[in-house]
N, C-alpha and C. Protein backbone atom coordinates (compact mmCIF):
# COMPACT_ATOMS: atom_id res chain seq x y z
N MET A 1 -19.62 -6.92 2.04
CA MET A 1 -17.96 -6.09 1.55
C MET A 1 -17.99 -4.92 2.16
N ALA A 2 -17.12 -4.47 2.53
CA ALA A 2 -16.36 -2.83 2.92
C ALA A 2 -15.98 -2.76 1.63
N LYS A 3 -16.24 -0.98 1.16
CA LYS A 3 -15.80 0.36 0.81
C LYS A 3 -14.73 0.69 1.77
N CYS A 4 -14.15 0.92 1.24
CA CYS A 4 -12.39 2.07 1.91
C CYS A 4 -11.80 2.82 1.01
N LEU A 5 -11.88 4.45 0.97
CA LEU A 5 -10.57 5.62 0.68
C LEU A 5 -9.06 5.53 0.77
N LEU A 6 -8.34 5.20 -0.16
CA LEU A 6 -7.32 5.14 -0.05
C LEU A 6 -6.92 6.85 -1.28
N ARG A 7 -6.42 8.15 -0.42
CA ARG A 7 -6.51 8.89 -0.50
C ARG A 7 -4.60 8.91 -0.98
N PHE A 8 -4.08 9.66 -1.49
CA PHE A 8 -2.60 9.74 -2.15
C PHE A 8 -2.76 11.83 -2.86
N ARG A 9 -1.46 11.95 -2.20
CA ARG A 9 -0.90 14.00 -1.76
C ARG A 9 -1.04 13.96 -3.74
N GLN A 10 -1.00 14.89 -4.09
CA GLN A 10 -0.30 15.21 -5.12
C GLN A 10 1.28 14.89 -5.02
N VAL A 11 2.08 14.99 -4.28
CA VAL A 11 3.64 14.76 -4.59
C VAL A 11 3.36 12.99 -5.27
N ASP A 12 2.81 11.87 -4.23
CA ASP A 12 2.35 10.85 -5.02
C ASP A 12 2.03 10.08 -5.41
N LYS A 13 1.39 11.26 -7.02
CA LYS A 13 0.50 10.89 -7.67
C LYS A 13 1.79 9.36 -8.75
N ASN A 14 2.99 9.89 -8.17
CA ASN A 14 3.30 8.69 -9.67
C ASN A 14 3.05 6.82 -8.61
N ILE A 15 2.97 6.73 -7.86
CA ILE A 15 2.40 5.77 -6.71
C ILE A 15 0.68 5.92 -7.27
N PHE A 16 0.49 7.13 -7.41
CA PHE A 16 -1.43 6.23 -7.80
C PHE A 16 -1.30 6.43 -8.80
N ASP A 17 -1.12 6.24 -9.57
CA ASP A 17 -1.07 6.05 -11.32
C ASP A 17 -0.08 4.58 -11.66
N ASP A 18 0.81 4.55 -10.51
CA ASP A 18 1.22 2.93 -10.50
C ASP A 18 0.11 1.82 -10.96
N ILE A 19 -0.47 2.17 -9.65
CA ILE A 19 -1.70 1.02 -9.44
C ILE A 19 -2.79 1.72 -10.51
N ARG A 20 -3.24 2.15 -11.20
CA ARG A 20 -3.96 2.24 -11.98
C ARG A 20 -3.58 1.48 -13.82
N SER A 21 -1.91 1.77 -13.41
CA SER A 21 -2.08 1.34 -14.66
C SER A 21 -1.86 -0.31 -14.24
N GLY A 22 -1.35 -0.95 -13.65
CA GLY A 22 -0.86 -2.59 -13.08
C GLY A 22 0.31 -2.61 -12.86
N LYS A 23 1.25 -1.51 -12.64
CA LYS A 23 1.90 -1.85 -12.85
C LYS A 23 2.07 -1.68 -11.11
N LYS A 24 2.32 -1.35 -10.60
CA LYS A 24 2.09 -1.52 -9.27
C LYS A 24 0.84 -2.45 -8.78
N THR A 25 1.34 -3.82 -7.94
CA THR A 25 0.63 -4.65 -7.77
C THR A 25 -0.19 -5.08 -6.47
N VAL A 26 0.48 -4.51 -5.60
CA VAL A 26 0.88 -4.84 -3.61
C VAL A 26 0.79 -3.27 -3.05
N GLU A 27 -0.42 -2.31 -2.49
CA GLU A 27 -0.42 -1.68 -1.94
C GLU A 27 -0.11 -1.58 -0.92
N THR A 28 0.08 -0.71 0.05
CA THR A 28 1.38 -1.64 1.27
C THR A 28 0.51 -0.14 2.59
N ARG A 29 0.19 -0.27 3.61
CA ARG A 29 -0.75 1.04 4.82
C ARG A 29 -0.01 0.82 5.67
N ALA A 30 0.30 1.82 6.90
CA ALA A 30 0.61 1.27 7.94
C ALA A 30 -0.82 0.31 8.34
N ALA A 31 -0.84 -0.85 9.02
CA ALA A 31 -2.33 -1.79 10.05
C ALA A 31 -2.51 -1.58 10.24
N THR A 32 -3.15 0.41 10.37
CA THR A 32 -3.81 1.47 11.34
C THR A 32 -5.28 0.33 11.34
N ALA A 33 -5.90 0.87 12.51
CA ALA A 33 -8.00 0.46 12.43
C ALA A 33 -8.99 1.07 11.39
N LYS A 34 -7.54 1.78 10.86
CA LYS A 34 -8.61 2.19 9.05
C LYS A 34 -8.20 0.85 8.06
N PHE A 35 -7.61 0.62 7.85
CA PHE A 35 -6.77 -1.07 7.54
C PHE A 35 -7.12 -1.87 7.98
N ARG A 36 -6.78 -2.08 9.30
CA ARG A 36 -6.40 -3.92 9.31
C ARG A 36 -7.58 -5.19 8.90
N ASN A 37 -8.88 -4.76 8.98
CA ASN A 37 -9.26 -5.31 8.56
C ASN A 37 -10.43 -5.54 7.31
N MET A 38 -8.99 -5.55 6.74
CA MET A 38 -10.22 -5.43 5.17
C MET A 38 -8.86 -6.05 3.94
N LYS A 39 -10.43 -7.36 4.06
CA LYS A 39 -10.64 -8.57 3.21
C LYS A 39 -10.21 -8.55 1.51
N PRO A 40 -10.40 -9.61 1.08
CA PRO A 40 -11.00 -10.50 -0.02
C PRO A 40 -12.42 -9.56 -0.70
N GLY A 41 -12.76 -9.49 -1.32
CA GLY A 41 -14.41 -9.10 -1.81
C GLY A 41 -14.20 -7.18 -1.76
N ASP A 42 -13.68 -7.19 -0.77
CA ASP A 42 -14.07 -5.31 0.20
C ASP A 42 -13.37 -4.75 -1.39
N SER A 43 -14.00 -3.50 -1.97
CA SER A 43 -14.06 -2.15 -2.43
C SER A 43 -12.74 -0.63 -1.74
N VAL A 44 -11.64 -1.34 -2.96
CA VAL A 44 -10.92 0.00 -1.80
C VAL A 44 -11.18 1.56 -3.97
N ILE A 45 -11.14 2.72 -2.54
CA ILE A 45 -11.93 3.39 -3.64
C ILE A 45 -9.86 4.37 -3.81
N PHE A 46 -9.42 4.90 -4.67
CA PHE A 46 -8.65 5.42 -4.43
C PHE A 46 -8.36 6.25 -5.95
N VAL A 47 -7.45 8.19 -4.75
CA VAL A 47 -8.52 9.47 -4.75
C VAL A 47 -6.74 9.86 -4.83
N CYS A 48 -6.58 11.18 -6.20
CA CYS A 48 -5.91 11.85 -5.82
C CYS A 48 -5.99 13.09 -5.96
N GLY A 49 -6.64 13.80 -5.84
CA GLY A 49 -6.68 15.69 -7.06
C GLY A 49 -8.75 14.77 -6.74
N SER A 50 -8.40 15.20 -8.06
CA SER A 50 -9.93 14.75 -8.77
C SER A 50 -10.18 13.94 -8.98
N GLU A 51 -8.97 13.08 -9.09
CA GLU A 51 -8.85 11.63 -9.64
C GLU A 51 -9.26 10.28 -8.52
N LYS A 52 -10.09 9.38 -9.89
CA LYS A 52 -9.84 8.29 -8.80
C LYS A 52 -10.15 7.06 -9.56
N PHE A 53 -10.26 6.05 -8.90
CA PHE A 53 -11.18 4.83 -10.14
C PHE A 53 -10.99 3.53 -8.31
N GLU A 54 -11.70 2.66 -8.94
CA GLU A 54 -11.54 1.87 -7.72
C GLU A 54 -11.18 0.55 -7.77
N ARG A 55 -11.31 -0.57 -7.07
CA ARG A 55 -10.36 -1.80 -6.45
C ARG A 55 -10.97 -2.60 -6.13
N GLU A 56 -10.78 -4.19 -6.69
CA GLU A 56 -11.11 -5.09 -5.75
C GLU A 56 -10.22 -5.81 -4.93
N VAL A 57 -10.81 -6.22 -3.50
CA VAL A 57 -9.05 -6.45 -2.86
C VAL A 57 -8.91 -8.07 -3.12
N LYS A 58 -8.14 -8.34 -3.91
CA LYS A 58 -7.60 -9.77 -3.34
C LYS A 58 -7.23 -10.48 -2.71
N ALA A 59 -6.31 -10.42 -1.78
CA ALA A 59 -5.86 -11.29 -0.67
C ALA A 59 -4.99 -9.18 0.31
N ALA A 60 -5.29 -10.06 1.06
CA ALA A 60 -4.63 -8.47 2.89
C ALA A 60 -3.89 -9.20 3.37
N LYS A 61 -3.00 -8.96 3.95
CA LYS A 61 -2.15 -10.10 4.59
C LYS A 61 -1.55 -8.43 5.25
N ILE A 62 -0.86 -8.96 6.61
CA ILE A 62 -0.89 -8.47 8.11
C ILE A 62 0.63 -8.39 8.12
N PHE A 63 1.41 -8.13 7.91
CA PHE A 63 2.77 -8.70 7.93
C PHE A 63 3.89 -7.57 9.19
N ARG A 64 4.67 -7.66 10.63
CA ARG A 64 5.12 -7.06 11.40
C ARG A 64 6.01 -5.49 11.23
N ASN A 65 6.67 -5.42 9.78
CA ASN A 65 7.69 -5.41 9.68
C ASN A 65 7.98 -5.35 8.07
N ILE A 66 9.09 -3.71 7.26
CA ILE A 66 8.79 -4.23 6.14
C ILE A 66 10.13 -5.54 6.54
N PRO A 67 11.07 -5.83 6.47
CA PRO A 67 11.25 -7.14 5.64
C PRO A 67 10.78 -8.80 6.33
N GLU A 68 9.40 -8.64 7.01
CA GLU A 68 8.91 -9.59 6.77
C GLU A 68 7.46 -9.61 5.66
N LEU A 69 7.24 -9.15 5.29
CA LEU A 69 7.03 -7.97 5.22
C LEU A 69 7.99 -8.18 2.85
N LEU A 70 9.05 -7.57 3.31
CA LEU A 70 9.87 -8.92 2.03
C LEU A 70 10.26 -10.17 1.73
N LEU A 71 9.33 -11.04 2.71
CA LEU A 71 10.47 -12.48 2.34
C LEU A 71 8.90 -13.20 1.68
N LYS A 72 7.66 -11.88 1.81
CA LYS A 72 6.28 -12.81 0.85
C LYS A 72 6.26 -11.74 -0.77
N TYR A 73 6.69 -10.27 -0.89
CA TYR A 73 6.67 -9.74 -2.04
C TYR A 73 8.04 -9.21 -2.74
N ASP A 74 8.22 -9.69 -4.25
CA ASP A 74 9.44 -8.26 -3.71
C ASP A 74 9.31 -7.55 -4.64
N PHE A 75 10.22 -6.58 -3.74
CA PHE A 75 10.54 -5.05 -3.87
C PHE A 75 9.71 -4.22 -4.93
N ARG A 76 9.79 -4.81 -6.16
CA ARG A 76 9.14 -3.82 -7.40
C ARG A 76 7.35 -4.21 -7.25
N LYS A 77 7.53 -5.57 -6.82
CA LYS A 77 5.05 -5.17 -7.07
C LYS A 77 5.17 -3.69 -6.33
N ILE A 78 5.32 -3.90 -4.98
CA ILE A 78 5.58 -2.57 -4.15
C ILE A 78 5.02 -1.00 -4.01
N ALA A 79 6.71 -1.64 -4.85
CA ALA A 79 7.04 -0.48 -5.21
C ALA A 79 7.68 -0.20 -6.69
N PRO A 80 7.50 0.31 -8.14
CA PRO A 80 8.37 -1.31 -8.99
C PRO A 80 9.42 0.64 -9.97
N ARG A 81 8.90 2.39 -9.76
CA ARG A 81 10.48 2.98 -9.87
C ARG A 81 11.15 2.57 -8.92
N LEU A 82 11.31 1.45 -7.79
CA LEU A 82 13.12 1.62 -7.16
C LEU A 82 13.65 0.43 -7.66
N SER A 83 15.37 0.36 -7.65
CA SER A 83 15.24 -0.12 -7.87
C SER A 83 16.68 -1.20 -6.95
N ALA A 84 16.23 -0.49 -5.78
CA ALA A 84 17.01 -1.28 -5.34
C ALA A 84 15.69 -1.77 -3.53
N PRO A 85 15.60 -2.90 -2.99
CA PRO A 85 14.89 -3.25 -1.60
C PRO A 85 15.29 -2.42 -0.24
N GLU A 86 16.32 -2.42 0.26
CA GLU A 86 16.31 -1.43 0.23
C GLU A 86 15.61 0.06 0.63
N GLU A 87 15.87 0.67 -0.88
CA GLU A 87 15.08 1.12 -0.87
C GLU A 87 14.10 1.84 -0.35
N LEU A 88 13.16 0.89 -0.33
CA LEU A 88 11.63 0.72 -0.04
C LEU A 88 11.78 1.31 1.71
N GLU A 89 12.39 0.84 2.75
CA GLU A 89 12.77 1.87 3.72
C GLU A 89 12.38 2.76 4.01
N LYS A 90 13.48 3.23 2.62
CA LYS A 90 13.53 5.24 2.98
C LYS A 90 12.23 6.11 2.77
N MET A 91 11.65 4.54 1.54
CA MET A 91 10.49 5.01 0.92
C MET A 91 8.88 5.47 2.04
N TYR A 92 9.28 4.56 2.55
CA TYR A 92 8.54 4.22 3.66
C TYR A 92 8.39 5.68 4.82
N TYR A 93 9.77 5.77 5.11
CA TYR A 93 9.70 6.40 6.56
C TYR A 93 9.96 7.84 5.34
N SER A 94 9.75 8.44 4.00
CA SER A 94 10.11 9.91 3.83
C SER A 94 8.21 9.72 4.46
N PHE A 95 6.99 8.92 4.91
CA PHE A 95 5.72 9.65 4.56
C PHE A 95 6.36 9.51 6.03
N PRO A 96 4.88 11.20 5.96
CA PRO A 96 5.35 11.13 7.77
C PRO A 96 4.18 10.16 8.88
N GLY A 97 4.84 10.72 10.09
CA GLY A 97 4.41 9.64 10.59
C GLY A 97 4.43 7.95 10.62
N TYR A 98 5.20 7.84 9.10
CA TYR A 98 5.70 5.83 8.97
C TYR A 98 5.96 5.00 9.54
N ARG A 99 7.68 5.41 10.28
CA ARG A 99 8.43 4.74 11.29
C ARG A 99 7.56 4.60 12.37
N GLU A 100 6.57 5.73 12.35
CA GLU A 100 5.83 4.63 14.14
C GLU A 100 4.99 4.46 13.91
N LYS A 101 4.29 4.44 12.90
CA LYS A 101 3.05 3.46 12.83
C LYS A 101 3.23 2.50 12.43
N ILE A 102 4.35 1.71 11.60
CA ILE A 102 4.89 0.75 11.37
C ILE A 102 5.29 -0.09 12.84
N ALA A 103 6.32 0.39 13.27
CA ALA A 103 6.35 0.29 14.93
C ALA A 103 5.88 -1.05 15.88
N GLU A 104 4.59 0.20 16.06
CA GLU A 104 3.27 0.05 16.58
C GLU A 104 2.10 -1.17 15.88
N PHE A 105 1.44 -0.78 14.64
CA PHE A 105 -0.27 -1.88 13.74
C PHE A 105 0.71 -2.51 12.62
N GLY A 106 2.74 -2.38 12.22
CA GLY A 106 2.95 -3.86 11.29
C GLY A 106 2.59 -2.66 10.05
N LEU A 107 2.50 -3.85 8.72
CA LEU A 107 2.48 -2.78 7.45
C LEU A 107 1.19 -4.07 6.91
N ILE A 108 0.00 -3.52 6.47
CA ILE A 108 -0.61 -4.19 5.40
C ILE A 108 -1.07 -4.56 4.41
N ALA A 109 -0.92 -5.18 3.22
CA ALA A 109 0.29 -5.79 1.67
C ALA A 109 -1.86 -6.08 1.11
N LEU A 110 -1.85 -5.37 0.20
CA LEU A 110 -2.58 -5.32 -0.16
C LEU A 110 -2.88 -5.97 -1.49
N GLU A 111 -3.41 -6.77 -2.19
CA GLU A 111 -3.26 -7.53 -3.40
C GLU A 111 -4.54 -7.31 -4.70
N PHE A 112 -4.75 -6.79 -5.78
CA PHE A 112 -5.74 -6.41 -6.07
C PHE A 112 -6.64 -7.20 -6.97
N ILE A 113 -6.97 -7.44 -7.65
CA ILE A 113 -7.93 -7.84 -8.72
C ILE A 113 -8.01 -7.09 -9.94
């Protein structure tokens, strides 16, 4: 079983907190080499500043783009603070370099136990 570190910028601490509390049940990342081979049973260590916690991956699936991701997941599982699925694209593209990373690698969706 592999372990992976996921860092959150302080400006994104609300996302970190939503995962820890269980409000956010699906974490997505650009499916770069660091994440694309994640599978059930792997562990993810979430870090934001000096805070951290660990979760076990229940499911991992790669999607080519945001519309394909939204066919499988309700946007509220990915971003519980958003009010419409259209806002998800804006959120992704607000992260540095994500428009290009999604176009090149797609997205991986991770569900946790």
